[in-house]
C-alpha cells in the first residue's frame, strides 16, 4: 500500500509518501525544496530529505528486526549552463538503509555506492555543465566526488574503512536530423577505500539509446 502527497506554493514544495509491504518493510520518505533567484543569471535551490525504514510483521526481508533513518541536505547554485551541487547525508542508526526493489533516492547516492550504510555520513560535491551555450547543442558533462565516513558493520557493529567515489558522466544527444532519437552516454566511476586494507574499484558504462514513436 502506498499513500502520499505534495504541497506546492510558488517555488516551495513539501512532499511525503509512505510505502507499506506486509511482513517486509515500511518506508516513510519526505522531501522539501525551495528555489529562488539570487541575481538575474544566478539561481539557487535548497532541499532537505528524511527517510525512515523499519521491518514489519514476520520480517521476511532479511530475517531480523531493523529500524533505520537517514537525513540529507543539498544546495544547488546555477549560472548559465553550469550547476554546482553540495550535499550531505547521515544514516542515523546502526542498520543499513534498504532498497530491495529500486534505486535509492539519497542525495549522496551515486553510480556505484549509495553511502547509506549503518552510521555512515557522506559529503558530495558535483559540477555539471550544458555546452549548448558554446555551440555544442545536446552535449553535457558532469563530475562529482563523494567522501563517506563513520560506517559500521550492521551485524558486528565494528567500524568499517572509509570510502571515496569519483564519477564522470558525458552525454550527447545529436540535433542532426539523420540521428534524431539517438543519444550516447559514457559513465565512469572509481571507488577508493584508502584505509587498510586498501583497494579500488573501477566501473565503466557505455549507453546507447534510441527513442522511436510507436504510433
C-alpha atoms as a PDB file:
ATOM      1  CA  UNK A   1       0.000   0.000   0.000  1.00  0.00           C
ATOM      2  CA  UNK A   2       1.238   3.475  -0.904  1.00  0.00           C
ATOM      3  CA  UNK A   3      -0.088   6.862   0.205  1.00  0.00           C
ATOM      4  CA  UNK A   4       1.478  10.261  -0.322  1.00  0.00           C
ATOM      5  CA  UNK A   5       1.036  13.842  -1.382  1.00  0.00           C
ATOM      6  CA  UNK A   6       2.806  17.048  -2.381  1.00  0.00           C
ATOM      7  CA  UNK A   7       2.093  20.658  -1.420  1.00  0.00           C
ATOM      8  CA  UNK A   8       3.499  23.475  -3.558  1.00  0.00           C
ATOM      9  CA  UNK A   9       3.434  27.223  -3.070  1.00  0.00           C
ATOM     10  CA  UNK A  10       5.360  29.172  -5.659  1.00  0.00           C
ATOM     11  CA  UNK A  11       8.928  27.857  -5.660  1.00  0.00           C
ATOM     12  CA  UNK A  12       8.393  25.937  -2.399  1.00  0.00           C
ATOM     13  CA  UNK A  13       7.336  22.287  -2.259  1.00  0.00           C
ATOM     14  CA  UNK A  14       6.799  19.763   0.518  1.00  0.00           C
ATOM     15  CA  UNK A  15       6.066  16.119  -0.171  1.00  0.00           C
ATOM     16  CA  UNK A  16       5.758  12.878   1.775  1.00  0.00           C
ATOM     17  CA  UNK A  17       4.927   9.275   0.945  1.00  0.00           C
ATOM     18  CA  UNK A  18       4.541   6.089   2.991  1.00  0.00           C
ATOM     19  CA  UNK A  19       5.082   2.642   1.475  1.00  0.00           C
ATOM     20  CA  UNK A  20       3.918  -0.437   3.410  1.00  0.00           C
ATOM     21  CA  UNK A  21       4.666  -4.017   2.359  1.00  0.00           C
ATOM     22  CA  UNK A  22       3.134  -6.619   4.648  1.00  0.00           C
ATOM     23  CA  UNK A  23       5.712  -8.730   6.541  1.00  0.00           C
ATOM     24  CA  UNK A  24       8.533  -6.960   4.652  1.00  0.00           C
ATOM     25  CA  UNK A  25       9.142  -3.247   5.276  1.00  0.00           C
ATOM     26  CA  UNK A  26       7.573   0.132   5.945  1.00  0.00           C
ATOM     27  CA  UNK A  27       9.237   3.134   4.294  1.00  0.00           C
ATOM     28  CA  UNK A  28       8.393   6.759   5.035  1.00  0.00           C
ATOM     29  CA  UNK A  29      10.019   9.404   2.829  1.00  0.00           C
ATOM     30  CA  UNK A  30       9.672  13.177   2.880  1.00  0.00           C
ATOM     31  CA  UNK A  31      11.359  15.972   0.957  1.00  0.00           C
ATOM     32  CA  UNK A  32      11.114  19.744   0.863  1.00  0.00           C
ATOM     33  CA  UNK A  33      12.592  22.088  -1.765  1.00  0.00           C
ATOM     34  CA  UNK A  34      12.825  25.817  -2.255  1.00  0.00           C
ATOM     35  CA  UNK A  35      14.357  27.561  -5.276  1.00  0.00           C
ATOM     36  CA  UNK A  36      14.962  31.278  -5.655  1.00  0.00           C
ATOM     37  CA  UNK A  37      16.913  33.733  -7.844  1.00  0.00           C
ATOM     38  CA  UNK A  38      19.976  35.476  -6.422  1.00  0.00           C
ATOM     39  CA  UNK A  39      20.638  37.693  -9.442  1.00  0.00           C
ATOM     40  CA  UNK A  40      19.304  37.740 -12.997  1.00  0.00           C
ATOM     41  CA  UNK A  41      21.696  34.967 -14.041  1.00  0.00           C
ATOM     42  CA  UNK A  42      22.340  33.245 -10.721  1.00  0.00           C
ATOM     43  CA  UNK A  43      19.853  30.869  -9.097  1.00  0.00           C
ATOM     44  CA  UNK A  44      19.787  28.623  -6.032  1.00  0.00           C
ATOM     45  CA  UNK A  45      17.894  25.597  -4.750  1.00  0.00           C
ATOM     46  CA  UNK A  46      17.836  24.253  -1.193  1.00  0.00           C
ATOM     47  CA  UNK A  47      16.498  20.782  -0.372  1.00  0.00           C
ATOM     48  CA  UNK A  48      16.044  18.543   2.661  1.00  0.00           C
ATOM     49  CA  UNK A  49      15.035  14.865   2.777  1.00  0.00           C
ATOM     50  CA  UNK A  50      14.280  12.357   5.522  1.00  0.00           C
ATOM     51  CA  UNK A  51      13.732   8.597   5.263  1.00  0.00           C
ATOM     52  CA  UNK A  52      12.552   6.181   7.949  1.00  0.00           C
ATOM     53  CA  UNK A  53      12.607   2.422   7.340  1.00  0.00           C
ATOM     54  CA  UNK A  54      11.594  -0.444   9.621  1.00  0.00           C
ATOM     55  CA  UNK A  55      10.774  -4.137   9.387  1.00  0.00           C
ATOM     56  CA  UNK A  56       7.151  -5.180   9.876  1.00  0.00           C
ATOM     57  CA  UNK A  57       5.228  -8.375  10.604  1.00  0.00           C
ATOM     58  CA  UNK A  58       7.278 -11.513  10.071  1.00  0.00           C
ATOM     59  CA  UNK A  59      10.344  -9.514   8.915  1.00  0.00           C
ATOM     60  CA  UNK A  60      10.938 -11.514   5.745  1.00  0.00           C
ATOM     61  CA  UNK A  61      13.257  -9.000   4.073  1.00  0.00           C
ATOM     62  CA  UNK A  62      16.403 -10.072   5.899  1.00  0.00           C
ATOM     63  CA  UNK A  63      15.046 -12.319   8.639  1.00  0.00           C
ATOM     64  CA  UNK A  64      15.521  -9.949  11.559  1.00  0.00           C
ATOM     65  CA  UNK A  65      14.134  -6.794  13.095  1.00  0.00           C
ATOM     66  CA  UNK A  66      15.622  -3.469  11.982  1.00  0.00           C
ATOM     67  CA  UNK A  67      14.911   0.250  12.208  1.00  0.00           C
ATOM     68  CA  UNK A  68      16.973   2.885  10.427  1.00  0.00           C
ATOM     69  CA  UNK A  69      16.791   6.510   9.302  1.00  0.00           C
ATOM     70  CA  UNK A  70      18.683   8.836   7.002  1.00  0.00           C
ATOM     71  CA  UNK A  71      18.558  12.595   6.543  1.00  0.00           C
ATOM     72  CA  UNK A  72      20.032  14.609   3.702  1.00  0.00           C
ATOM     73  CA  UNK A  73      20.711  18.252   2.851  1.00  0.00           C
ATOM     74  CA  UNK A  74      21.510  19.654  -0.585  1.00  0.00           C
ATOM     75  CA  UNK A  75      22.173  23.017  -2.182  1.00  0.00           C
ATOM     76  CA  UNK A  76      22.440  23.844  -5.893  1.00  0.00           C
ATOM     77  CA  UNK A  77      23.837  27.013  -7.456  1.00  0.00           C
ATOM     78  CA  UNK A  78      23.166  27.549 -11.171  1.00  0.00           C
ATOM     79  CA  UNK A  79      24.797  30.044 -13.509  1.00  0.00           C
ATOM     80  CA  UNK A  80      24.403  29.910 -17.258  1.00  0.00           C
ATOM     81  CA  UNK A  81      24.767  26.282 -18.230  1.00  0.00           C
ATOM     82  CA  UNK A  82      26.608  25.289 -15.059  1.00  0.00           C
ATOM     83  CA  UNK A  83      25.218  23.812 -11.825  1.00  0.00           C
ATOM     84  CA  UNK A  84      27.303  23.322  -8.681  1.00  0.00           C
ATOM     85  CA  UNK A  85      25.937  20.973  -6.004  1.00  0.00           C
ATOM     86  CA  UNK A  86      26.968  20.470  -2.400  1.00  0.00           C
ATOM     87  CA  UNK A  87      25.188  17.813  -0.336  1.00  0.00           C
ATOM     88  CA  UNK A  88      25.352  15.849   2.903  1.00  0.00           C
ATOM     89  CA  UNK A  89      23.720  12.675   4.220  1.00  0.00           C
ATOM     90  CA  UNK A  90      23.717  10.915   7.586  1.00  0.00           C
ATOM     91  CA  UNK A  91      22.466   7.402   8.327  1.00  0.00           C
ATOM     92  CA  UNK A  92      21.424   7.861  11.911  1.00  0.00           C
ATOM     93  CA  UNK A  93      21.226   4.291  13.200  1.00  0.00           C
ATOM     94  CA  UNK A  94      23.301   1.118  13.273  1.00  0.00           C
ATOM     95  CA  UNK A  95      21.420  -0.578  10.420  1.00  0.00           C
ATOM     96  CA  UNK A  96      21.877  -0.219   6.664  1.00  0.00           C
ATOM     97  CA  UNK A  97      19.213   1.584   4.665  1.00  0.00           C
ATOM     98  CA  UNK A  98      17.343  -0.820   2.364  1.00  0.00           C
ATOM     99  CA  UNK A  99      16.367  -0.581  -1.322  1.00  0.00           C
ATOM    100  CA  UNK A 100      15.045  -4.050  -2.194  1.00  0.00           C
ATOM    101  CA  UNK A 101      13.115  -3.115  -5.348  1.00  0.00           C
ATOM    102  CA  UNK A 102      14.566   0.056  -6.844  1.00  0.00           C
ATOM    103  CA  UNK A 103      17.298   2.682  -6.753  1.00  0.00           C
ATOM    104  CA  UNK A 104      17.940   4.700  -3.614  1.00  0.00           C
ATOM    105  CA  UNK A 105      16.900   8.412  -3.685  1.00  0.00           C
ATOM    106  CA  UNK A 106      19.571   9.776  -1.294  1.00  0.00           C
ATOM    107  CA  UNK A 107      21.427  12.934  -2.290  1.00  0.00           C
ATOM    108  CA  UNK A 108      24.768  11.138  -1.934  1.00  0.00           C
ATOM    109  CA  UNK A 109      23.680   8.021  -3.867  1.00  0.00           C
ATOM    110  CA  UNK A 110      25.884   7.870  -6.972  1.00  0.00           C
ATOM    111  CA  UNK A 111      26.961   5.442  -9.700  1.00  0.00           C
ATOM    112  CA  UNK A 112      28.357   2.613  -7.563  1.00  0.00           C
ATOM    113  CA  UNK A 113      27.798   3.387  -3.890  1.00  0.00           C
ATOM    114  CA  UNK A 114      24.710   4.723  -2.119  1.00  0.00           C
ATOM    115  CA  UNK A 115      26.597   5.849   1.024  1.00  0.00           C
ATOM    116  CA  UNK A 116      23.589   4.829   3.126  1.00  0.00           C
ATOM    117  CA  UNK A 117      25.039   2.118   5.316  1.00  0.00           C
ATOM    118  CA  UNK A 118      24.877   1.922   9.111  1.00  0.00           C
ATOM    119  CA  UNK A 119      26.043   5.176  10.797  1.00  0.00           C
ATOM    120  CA  UNK A 120      27.605   6.354   7.521  1.00  0.00           C
ATOM    121  CA  UNK A 121      27.927  10.048   6.780  1.00  0.00           C
ATOM    122  CA  UNK A 122      28.828  11.439   3.363  1.00  0.00           C
ATOM    123  CA  UNK A 123      29.514  14.717   1.583  1.00  0.00           C
ATOM    124  CA  UNK A 124      29.089  15.199  -2.170  1.00  0.00           C
ATOM    125  CA  UNK A 125      30.366  17.925  -4.472  1.00  0.00           C
ATOM    126  CA  UNK A 126      29.244  17.969  -8.104  1.00  0.00           C
ATOM    127  CA  UNK A 127      29.683  20.207 -11.126  1.00  0.00           C
ATOM    128  CA  UNK A 128      27.613  19.772 -14.286  1.00  0.00           C
ATOM    129  CA  UNK A 129      27.619  21.812 -17.477  1.00  0.00           C
ATOM    130  CA  UNK A 130      25.452  22.080 -20.586  1.00  0.00           C
ATOM    131  CA  UNK A 131      27.675  23.028 -23.551  1.00  0.00           C
ATOM    132  CA  UNK A 132      24.835  24.399 -25.698  1.00  0.00           C
ATOM    133  CA  UNK A 133      25.949  27.962 -24.957  1.00  0.00           C
ATOM    134  CA  UNK A 134      29.304  27.131 -26.545  1.00  0.00           C
ATOM    135  CA  UNK A 135      27.652  25.888 -29.743  1.00  0.00           C
ATOM    136  CA  UNK A 136      27.698  22.184 -28.792  1.00  0.00           C
ATOM    137  CA  UNK A 137      23.971  21.538 -28.665  1.00  0.00           C
ATOM    138  CA  UNK A 138      22.940  18.361 -26.885  1.00  0.00           C
ATOM    139  CA  UNK A 139      26.317  17.920 -25.157  1.00  0.00           C
ATOM    140  CA  UNK A 140      26.538  17.870 -21.346  1.00  0.00           C
ATOM    141  CA  UNK A 141      29.019  16.607 -18.775  1.00  0.00           C
ATOM    142  CA  UNK A 142      29.287  16.213 -15.022  1.00  0.00           C
ATOM    143  CA  UNK A 143      31.938  15.291 -12.471  1.00  0.00           C
ATOM    144  CA  UNK A 144      31.400  14.543  -8.792  1.00  0.00           C
ATOM    145  CA  UNK A 145      33.229  13.432  -5.682  1.00  0.00           C
ATOM    146  CA  UNK A 146      31.764  11.771  -2.578  1.00  0.00           C
ATOM    147  CA  UNK A 147      33.551  11.130   0.708  1.00  0.00           C
ATOM    148  CA  UNK A 148      31.914   8.681   3.124  1.00  0.00           C
ATOM    149  CA  UNK A 149      32.975   8.065   6.715  1.00  0.00           C
ATOM    150  CA  UNK A 150      31.846   6.631  10.055  1.00  0.00           C
ATOM    151  CA  UNK A 151      30.307   3.422   8.701  1.00  0.00           C
ATOM    152  CA  UNK A 152      29.898   0.375  10.966  1.00  0.00           C
ATOM    153  CA  UNK A 153      29.135  -3.240  10.123  1.00  0.00           C
ATOM    154  CA  UNK A 154      25.389  -3.703  10.693  1.00  0.00           C
ATOM    155  CA  UNK A 155      25.915  -7.199  12.153  1.00  0.00           C
ATOM    156  CA  UNK A 156      29.034  -6.792  14.303  1.00  0.00           C
ATOM    157  CA  UNK A 157      28.767  -3.003  14.900  1.00  0.00           C
ATOM    158  CA  UNK A 158      32.523  -2.769  14.281  1.00  0.00           C
ATOM    159  CA  UNK A 159      33.965   0.146  12.328  1.00  0.00           C
ATOM    160  CA  UNK A 160      34.456  -0.165   8.541  1.00  0.00           C
ATOM    161  CA  UNK A 161      37.010   1.646   6.390  1.00  0.00           C
ATOM    162  CA  UNK A 162      36.015   4.987   4.846  1.00  0.00           C
ATOM    163  CA  UNK A 163      35.431   5.267   1.090  1.00  0.00           C
ATOM    164  CA  UNK A 164      35.623   7.856  -1.665  1.00  0.00           C
ATOM    165  CA  UNK A 165      33.939   7.755  -5.068  1.00  0.00           C
ATOM    166  CA  UNK A 166      34.739   9.852  -8.127  1.00  0.00           C
ATOM    167  CA  UNK A 167      32.303   9.848 -11.077  1.00  0.00           C
ATOM    168  CA  UNK A 168      32.427  11.363 -14.554  1.00  0.00           C
ATOM    169  CA  UNK A 169      29.421  11.473 -16.891  1.00  0.00           C
ATOM    170  CA  UNK A 170      29.350  12.574 -20.549  1.00  0.00           C
ATOM    171  CA  UNK A 171      26.144  12.713 -22.643  1.00  0.00           C
ATOM    172  CA  UNK A 172      25.460  13.632 -26.245  1.00  0.00           C
ATOM    173  CA  UNK A 173      22.026  13.907 -27.839  1.00  0.00           C
ATOM    174  CA  UNK A 174      22.650  14.848 -31.510  1.00  0.00           C
ATOM    175  CA  UNK A 175      20.462  17.518 -33.063  1.00  0.00           C
ATOM    176  CA  UNK A 176      21.160  16.421 -36.641  1.00  0.00           C
ATOM    177  CA  UNK A 177      18.046  15.173 -38.412  1.00  0.00           C
ATOM    178  CA  UNK A 178      19.592  11.871 -39.561  1.00  0.00           C
ATOM    179  CA  UNK A 179      20.460  10.976 -35.937  1.00  0.00           C
ATOM    180  CA  UNK A 180      17.162  12.106 -34.464  1.00  0.00           C
ATOM    181  CA  UNK A 181      16.187   9.952 -31.487  1.00  0.00           C
ATOM    182  CA  UNK A 182      19.717   8.730 -30.729  1.00  0.00           C
ATOM    183  CA  UNK A 183      21.678   9.569 -27.582  1.00  0.00           C
ATOM    184  CA  UNK A 184      25.051   8.403 -26.317  1.00  0.00           C
ATOM    185  CA  UNK A 185      26.258   8.316 -22.727  1.00  0.00           C
ATOM    186  CA  UNK A 186      29.564   7.356 -21.102  1.00  0.00           C
ATOM    187  CA  UNK A 187      29.901   6.956 -17.327  1.00  0.00           C
ATOM    188  CA  UNK A 188      32.997   6.219 -15.274  1.00  0.00           C
ATOM    189  CA  UNK A 189      33.346   5.663 -11.532  1.00  0.00           C
ATOM    190  CA  UNK A 190      36.247   4.938  -9.225  1.00  0.00           C
ATOM    191  CA  UNK A 191      35.594   3.784  -5.668  1.00  0.00           C
ATOM    192  CA  UNK A 192      38.622   4.024  -3.399  1.00  0.00           C
ATOM    193  CA  UNK A 193      38.994   2.576   0.082  1.00  0.00           C
ATOM    194  CA  UNK A 194      42.136   4.279   1.285  1.00  0.00           C
ATOM    195  CA  UNK A 195      42.424   2.784   4.773  1.00  0.00           C
ATOM    196  CA  UNK A 196      43.858  -0.671   5.416  1.00  0.00           C
ATOM    197  CA  UNK A 197      43.170  -2.890   3.541  1.00  0.00           C
ATOM    198  CA  UNK A 198      43.408  -0.515   0.578  1.00  0.00           C
ATOM    199  CA  UNK A 199      41.515  -1.334  -2.613  1.00  0.00           C
ATOM    200  CA  UNK A 200      39.920   0.341  -5.630  1.00  0.00           C
ATOM    201  CA  UNK A 201      37.045  -0.454  -7.970  1.00  0.00           C
ATOM    202  CA  UNK A 202      36.614   0.918 -11.500  1.00  0.00           C
ATOM    203  CA  UNK A 203      33.217   0.948 -13.229  1.00  0.00           C
ATOM    204  CA  UNK A 204      32.689   1.816 -16.926  1.00  0.00           C
ATOM    205  CA  UNK A 205      29.298   2.156 -18.602  1.00  0.00           C
ATOM    206  CA  UNK A 206      28.574   2.844 -22.271  1.00  0.00           C
ATOM    207  CA  UNK A 207      24.910   3.505 -23.072  1.00  0.00           C
ATOM    208  CA  UNK A 208      23.247   3.940 -26.460  1.00  0.00           C
ATOM    209  CA  UNK A 209      19.585   4.924 -26.553  1.00  0.00           C
ATOM    210  CA  UNK A 210      17.187   5.288 -29.429  1.00  0.00           C
ATOM    211  CA  UNK A 211      13.719   6.830 -28.988  1.00  0.00           C
ATOM    212  CA  UNK A 212      11.198   5.991 -31.653  1.00  0.00           C
ATOM    213  CA  UNK A 213       7.436   6.603 -31.933  1.00  0.00           C
ATOM    214  CA  UNK A 214       5.135   3.602 -31.794  1.00  0.00           C
ATOM    215  CA  UNK A 215       2.172   5.480 -33.284  1.00  0.00           C
END
